[in-house]
Amino acid sequence: MAGSNGKQKTVRDMILSLGLIGIAAALIYVFIPHDDSPPDIPRVDFRVELLTARRAAAYPVAAPEGLSKDWKATSVRFRGDEFDAWHLGFHTPDDQYVQIEQSTQKPSTFIDEATQGSDATKATEEIDGRTWTRYTGGRYDALVLPGKGSTTVVAGTGSFQQLTEMAQALKLA
């Protein structure tokens, strides 16, 4: 029985060590600051890219005018070598995302990519004399406007009200 006393001390020492490690981890957790706020997404100025796209694209390029300052442009790009692809992304006032996508790519392929897998519904919306089709079911909800030689998609995590607000603000030039 002489050996059992040594094993008991080893188990006791291990439990004490684990307890001390737990206390140290708790203290570190308490005293290290935690920032649970969402990251500050920087605003981008899209005017230069918009002018470039409007000169180079084979279709009238869409960009919003008159949105409140609470809508923050966060991403912009024009890829003339990839179907004249235009992208303009916005952070909405209630922390959602809405994007404008345009391209001369085959509509079915482009719409699937821009809406991230949404499907057409039978619902349409008349916005400024243009008929937009609603898409749902994918990662994004969307409004899609087919055009002559290009397709325009307003999509994102925002509500259909926000998507409609963006579509109403779009000016094609």
C-alpha atoms as a PDB file:
ATOM      1  CA  MET A   1       0.000   0.000   0.000  1.00  0.00           C
ATOM      2  CA  ALA A   2       2.975   2.233   0.079  1.00  0.00           C
ATOM      3  CA  GLY A   3       2.580   3.054  -3.617  1.00  0.00           C
ATOM      4  CA  SER A   4      -1.062   4.215  -3.388  1.00  0.00           C
ATOM      5  CA  ASN A   5      -0.197   7.281  -1.274  1.00  0.00           C
ATOM      6  CA  GLY A   6       2.171   8.521  -4.018  1.00  0.00           C
ATOM      7  CA  LYS A   7      -0.532   8.062  -6.680  1.00  0.00           C
ATOM      8  CA  GLN A   8      -3.015  10.046  -4.570  1.00  0.00           C
ATOM      9  CA  LYS A   9      -0.547  12.927  -4.306  1.00  0.00           C
ATOM     10  CA  THR A  10      -0.010  12.862  -8.080  1.00  0.00           C
ATOM     11  CA  VAL A  11      -3.767  13.014  -8.779  1.00  0.00           C
ATOM     12  CA  ARG A  12      -4.219  15.748  -6.147  1.00  0.00           C
ATOM     13  CA  ASP A  13      -1.342  17.751  -7.663  1.00  0.00           C
ATOM     14  CA  MET A  14      -2.837  17.385 -11.144  1.00  0.00           C
ATOM     15  CA  ILE A  15      -6.240  18.612  -9.947  1.00  0.00           C
ATOM     16  CA  LEU A  16      -4.622  21.569  -8.172  1.00  0.00           C
ATOM     17  CA  SER A  17      -2.641  22.409 -11.312  1.00  0.00           C
ATOM     18  CA  LEU A  18      -5.764  22.301 -13.473  1.00  0.00           C
ATOM     19  CA  GLY A  19      -7.560  24.530 -10.961  1.00  0.00           C
ATOM     20  CA  LEU A  20      -4.730  27.079 -11.060  1.00  0.00           C
ATOM     21  CA  ILE A  21      -4.713  27.035 -14.867  1.00  0.00           C
ATOM     22  CA  GLY A  22      -8.498  27.580 -14.871  1.00  0.00           C
ATOM     23  CA  ILE A  23      -8.175  30.532 -12.480  1.00  0.00           C
ATOM     24  CA  ALA A  24      -5.393  32.039 -14.628  1.00  0.00           C
ATOM     25  CA  ALA A  25      -7.505  31.613 -17.797  1.00  0.00           C
ATOM     26  CA  ALA A  26     -10.508  33.245 -16.107  1.00  0.00           C
ATOM     27  CA  LEU A  27      -8.390  36.206 -14.987  1.00  0.00           C
ATOM     28  CA  ILE A  28      -6.955  36.649 -18.469  1.00  0.00           C
ATOM     29  CA  TYR A  29     -10.468  36.519 -19.970  1.00  0.00           C
ATOM     30  CA  VAL A  30     -11.774  39.104 -17.502  1.00  0.00           C
ATOM     31  CA  PHE A  31      -8.916  41.579 -17.906  1.00  0.00           C
ATOM     32  CA  ILE A  32      -8.400  41.401 -21.688  1.00  0.00           C
ATOM     33  CA  PRO A  33     -10.791  43.873 -23.371  1.00  0.00           C
ATOM     34  CA  HIS A  34     -13.415  42.434 -25.719  1.00  0.00           C
ATOM     35  CA  ASP A  35     -14.863  44.464 -28.570  1.00  0.00           C
ATOM     36  CA  ASP A  36     -18.187  42.967 -29.569  1.00  0.00           C
ATOM     37  CA  SER A  37     -19.191  45.910 -31.754  1.00  0.00           C
ATOM     38  CA  PRO A  38     -19.329  45.360 -35.510  1.00  0.00           C
ATOM     39  CA  PRO A  39     -16.262  46.514 -37.419  1.00  0.00           C
ATOM     40  CA  ASP A  40     -16.276  50.006 -38.876  1.00  0.00           C
ATOM     41  CA  ILE A  41     -16.544  49.503 -42.620  1.00  0.00           C
ATOM     42  CA  PRO A  42     -14.853  52.360 -44.474  1.00  0.00           C
ATOM     43  CA  ARG A  43     -16.813  54.403 -47.003  1.00  0.00           C
ATOM     44  CA  VAL A  44     -15.453  54.372 -50.559  1.00  0.00           C
ATOM     45  CA  ASP A  45     -15.731  57.090 -53.179  1.00  0.00           C
ATOM     46  CA  PHE A  46     -16.994  55.448 -56.360  1.00  0.00           C
ATOM     47  CA  ARG A  47     -17.088  58.508 -58.652  1.00  0.00           C
ATOM     48  CA  VAL A  48     -13.860  57.785 -60.568  1.00  0.00           C
ATOM     49  CA  GLU A  49     -14.769  54.141 -61.192  1.00  0.00           C
ATOM     50  CA  LEU A  50     -18.284  55.194 -62.208  1.00  0.00           C
ATOM     51  CA  LEU A  51     -16.956  57.658 -64.790  1.00  0.00           C
ATOM     52  CA  THR A  52     -14.565  55.019 -66.122  1.00  0.00           C
ATOM     53  CA  ALA A  53     -17.326  52.413 -66.348  1.00  0.00           C
ATOM     54  CA  ARG A  54     -19.722  54.823 -68.066  1.00  0.00           C
ATOM     55  CA  ARG A  55     -17.095  55.597 -70.715  1.00  0.00           C
ATOM     56  CA  ALA A  56     -16.080  51.995 -71.299  1.00  0.00           C
ATOM     57  CA  ALA A  57     -19.213  49.879 -70.835  1.00  0.00           C
ATOM     58  CA  ALA A  58     -21.387  48.799 -73.739  1.00  0.00           C
ATOM     59  CA  TYR A  59     -24.550  49.647 -71.759  1.00  0.00           C
ATOM     60  CA  PRO A  60     -25.847  52.503 -69.548  1.00  0.00           C
ATOM     61  CA  VAL A  61     -24.160  52.028 -66.157  1.00  0.00           C
ATOM     62  CA  ALA A  62     -26.400  52.312 -63.072  1.00  0.00           C
ATOM     63  CA  ALA A  63     -25.500  54.234 -59.921  1.00  0.00           C
ATOM     64  CA  PRO A  64     -27.736  55.666 -57.211  1.00  0.00           C
ATOM     65  CA  GLU A  65     -28.444  59.344 -56.771  1.00  0.00           C
ATOM     66  CA  GLY A  66     -30.226  60.882 -53.818  1.00  0.00           C
ATOM     67  CA  LEU A  67     -29.804  58.127 -51.230  1.00  0.00           C
ATOM     68  CA  SER A  68     -29.456  59.348 -47.654  1.00  0.00           C
ATOM     69  CA  LYS A  69     -25.956  59.635 -46.186  1.00  0.00           C
ATOM     70  CA  ASP A  70     -26.812  56.622 -44.002  1.00  0.00           C
ATOM     71  CA  TRP A  71     -26.230  54.420 -47.055  1.00  0.00           C
ATOM     72  CA  LYS A  72     -22.481  53.834 -47.182  1.00  0.00           C
ATOM     73  CA  ALA A  73     -20.738  52.761 -50.406  1.00  0.00           C
ATOM     74  CA  THR A  74     -18.286  50.036 -49.375  1.00  0.00           C
ATOM     75  CA  SER A  75     -17.084  48.393 -52.593  1.00  0.00           C
ATOM     76  CA  VAL A  76     -16.775  49.274 -56.260  1.00  0.00           C
ATOM     77  CA  ARG A  77     -15.233  47.714 -59.340  1.00  0.00           C
ATOM     78  CA  PHE A  78     -15.539  47.672 -63.105  1.00  0.00           C
ATOM     79  CA  ARG A  79     -14.102  44.805 -65.125  1.00  0.00           C
ATOM     80  CA  GLY A  80     -14.207  45.615 -68.801  1.00  0.00           C
ATOM     81  CA  ASP A  81     -12.437  42.374 -69.649  1.00  0.00           C
ATOM     82  CA  GLU A  82     -15.081  40.283 -67.844  1.00  0.00           C
ATOM     83  CA  PHE A  83     -18.358  41.015 -69.642  1.00  0.00           C
ATOM     84  CA  ASP A  84     -18.181  44.743 -68.746  1.00  0.00           C
ATOM     85  CA  ALA A  85     -19.018  43.728 -65.155  1.00  0.00           C
ATOM     86  CA  TRP A  86     -20.015  46.627 -62.878  1.00  0.00           C
ATOM     87  CA  HIS A  87     -20.332  46.198 -59.101  1.00  0.00           C
ATOM     88  CA  LEU A  88     -21.254  48.760 -56.465  1.00  0.00           C
ATOM     89  CA  GLY A  89     -21.904  47.604 -52.883  1.00  0.00           C
ATOM     90  CA  PHE A  90     -23.588  49.501 -50.033  1.00  0.00           C
ATOM     91  CA  HIS A  91     -23.936  49.102 -46.282  1.00  0.00           C
ATOM     92  CA  THR A  92     -27.532  50.041 -45.403  1.00  0.00           C
ATOM     93  CA  PRO A  93     -28.652  52.167 -42.431  1.00  0.00           C
ATOM     94  CA  ASP A  94     -29.710  49.009 -40.539  1.00  0.00           C
ATOM     95  CA  ASP A  95     -26.438  47.090 -41.131  1.00  0.00           C
ATOM     96  CA  GLN A  96     -27.539  45.085 -44.168  1.00  0.00           C
ATOM     97  CA  TYR A  97     -25.867  44.837 -47.576  1.00  0.00           C
ATOM     98  CA  VAL A  98     -27.235  45.894 -50.970  1.00  0.00           C
ATOM     99  CA  GLN A  99     -25.320  45.691 -54.240  1.00  0.00           C
ATOM    100  CA  ILE A 100     -25.817  46.796 -57.812  1.00  0.00           C
ATOM    101  CA  GLU A 101     -24.487  44.361 -60.396  1.00  0.00           C
ATOM    102  CA  GLN A 102     -24.522  44.819 -64.173  1.00  0.00           C
ATOM    103  CA  SER A 103     -23.017  42.719 -66.932  1.00  0.00           C
ATOM    104  CA  THR A 104     -23.240  41.663 -70.542  1.00  0.00           C
ATOM    105  CA  GLN A 105     -22.705  38.040 -69.468  1.00  0.00           C
ATOM    106  CA  LYS A 106     -25.347  35.436 -70.352  1.00  0.00           C
ATOM    107  CA  PRO A 107     -28.314  36.472 -68.140  1.00  0.00           C
ATOM    108  CA  SER A 108     -28.981  33.088 -66.494  1.00  0.00           C
ATOM    109  CA  THR A 109     -25.347  32.666 -65.437  1.00  0.00           C
ATOM    110  CA  PHE A 110     -24.972  36.284 -64.350  1.00  0.00           C
ATOM    111  CA  ILE A 111     -28.218  36.361 -62.346  1.00  0.00           C
ATOM    112  CA  ASP A 112     -27.332  33.126 -60.538  1.00  0.00           C
ATOM    113  CA  GLU A 113     -23.930  34.555 -59.549  1.00  0.00           C
ATOM    114  CA  ALA A 114     -25.211  38.023 -58.613  1.00  0.00           C
ATOM    115  CA  THR A 115     -28.090  36.688 -56.496  1.00  0.00           C
ATOM    116  CA  GLN A 116     -26.029  33.818 -55.124  1.00  0.00           C
ATOM    117  CA  GLY A 117     -28.512  31.161 -56.136  1.00  0.00           C
ATOM    118  CA  SER A 118     -31.884  32.903 -55.932  1.00  0.00           C
ATOM    119  CA  ASP A 119     -34.779  31.886 -58.163  1.00  0.00           C
ATOM    120  CA  ALA A 120     -37.249  34.051 -60.050  1.00  0.00           C
ATOM    121  CA  THR A 121     -40.675  34.527 -58.547  1.00  0.00           C
ATOM    122  CA  LYS A 122     -43.855  35.516 -60.332  1.00  0.00           C
ATOM    123  CA  ALA A 123     -43.811  38.855 -58.510  1.00  0.00           C
ATOM    124  CA  THR A 124     -42.706  41.951 -60.386  1.00  0.00           C
ATOM    125  CA  GLU A 125     -42.330  45.589 -59.421  1.00  0.00           C
ATOM    126  CA  GLU A 126     -42.826  48.626 -61.603  1.00  0.00           C
ATOM    127  CA  ILE A 127     -40.081  51.110 -60.693  1.00  0.00           C
ATOM    128  CA  ASP A 128     -39.663  54.298 -62.713  1.00  0.00           C
ATOM    129  CA  GLY A 129     -41.357  52.766 -65.731  1.00  0.00           C
ATOM    130  CA  ARG A 130     -39.199  49.617 -65.694  1.00  0.00           C
ATOM    131  CA  THR A 131     -40.425  46.144 -64.717  1.00  0.00           C
ATOM    132  CA  TRP A 132     -38.166  44.376 -62.219  1.00  0.00           C
ATOM    133  CA  THR A 133     -38.583  40.695 -61.318  1.00  0.00           C
ATOM    134  CA  ARG A 134     -38.196  39.535 -57.722  1.00  0.00           C
ATOM    135  CA  TYR A 135     -35.787  36.710 -56.950  1.00  0.00           C
ATOM    136  CA  THR A 136     -35.662  34.829 -53.628  1.00  0.00           C
ATOM    137  CA  GLY A 137     -34.330  31.650 -52.093  1.00  0.00           C
ATOM    138  CA  GLY A 138     -30.585  32.100 -52.357  1.00  0.00           C
ATOM    139  CA  ARG A 139     -28.196  33.916 -50.098  1.00  0.00           C
ATOM    140  CA  TYR A 140     -29.559  37.229 -51.418  1.00  0.00           C
ATOM    141  CA  ASP A 141     -32.995  38.460 -52.358  1.00  0.00           C
ATOM    142  CA  ALA A 142     -32.928  40.460 -55.564  1.00  0.00           C
ATOM    143  CA  LEU A 143     -34.646  42.646 -58.124  1.00  0.00           C
ATOM    144  CA  VAL A 144     -33.609  41.868 -61.703  1.00  0.00           C
ATOM    145  CA  LEU A 145     -34.006  44.104 -64.734  1.00  0.00           C
ATOM    146  CA  PRO A 146     -33.254  42.550 -68.102  1.00  0.00           C
ATOM    147  CA  GLY A 147     -31.995  44.996 -70.693  1.00  0.00           C
ATOM    148  CA  LYS A 148     -30.814  45.150 -74.259  1.00  0.00           C
ATOM    149  CA  GLY A 149     -27.381  43.586 -74.153  1.00  0.00           C
ATOM    150  CA  SER A 150     -27.015  43.746 -70.367  1.00  0.00           C
ATOM    151  CA  THR A 151     -28.716  42.738 -67.135  1.00  0.00           C
ATOM    152  CA  THR A 152     -29.046  44.810 -63.959  1.00  0.00           C
ATOM    153  CA  VAL A 153     -29.380  43.148 -60.550  1.00  0.00           C
ATOM    154  CA  VAL A 154     -30.028  44.870 -57.222  1.00  0.00           C
ATOM    155  CA  ALA A 155     -29.409  42.204 -54.587  1.00  0.00           C
ATOM    156  CA  GLY A 156     -28.403  41.728 -50.991  1.00  0.00           C
ATOM    157  CA  THR A 157     -29.372  40.871 -47.461  1.00  0.00           C
ATOM    158  CA  GLY A 158     -31.519  43.988 -47.214  1.00  0.00           C
ATOM    159  CA  SER A 159     -35.308  43.856 -47.299  1.00  0.00           C
ATOM    160  CA  PHE A 160     -37.256  44.162 -50.534  1.00  0.00           C
ATOM    161  CA  GLN A 161     -38.144  47.673 -49.373  1.00  0.00           C
ATOM    162  CA  GLN A 162     -34.425  48.535 -49.315  1.00  0.00           C
ATOM    163  CA  LEU A 163     -33.826  46.827 -52.655  1.00  0.00           C
ATOM    164  CA  THR A 164     -36.703  48.854 -54.103  1.00  0.00           C
ATOM    165  CA  GLU A 165     -35.315  52.052 -52.563  1.00  0.00           C
ATOM    166  CA  MET A 166     -31.980  51.365 -54.270  1.00  0.00           C
ATOM    167  CA  ALA A 167     -33.642  50.528 -57.604  1.00  0.00           C
ATOM    168  CA  GLN A 168     -35.640  53.780 -57.407  1.00  0.00           C
ATOM    169  CA  ALA A 169     -32.433  55.769 -56.821  1.00  0.00           C
ATOM    170  CA  LEU A 170     -30.602  54.267 -59.811  1.00  0.00           C
ATOM    171  CA  LYS A 171     -29.736  56.567 -62.678  1.00  0.00           C
ATOM    172  CA  LEU A 172     -28.580  54.981 -65.914  1.00  0.00           C
ATOM    173  CA  ALA A 173     -26.033  56.850 -68.002  1.00  0.00           C
END
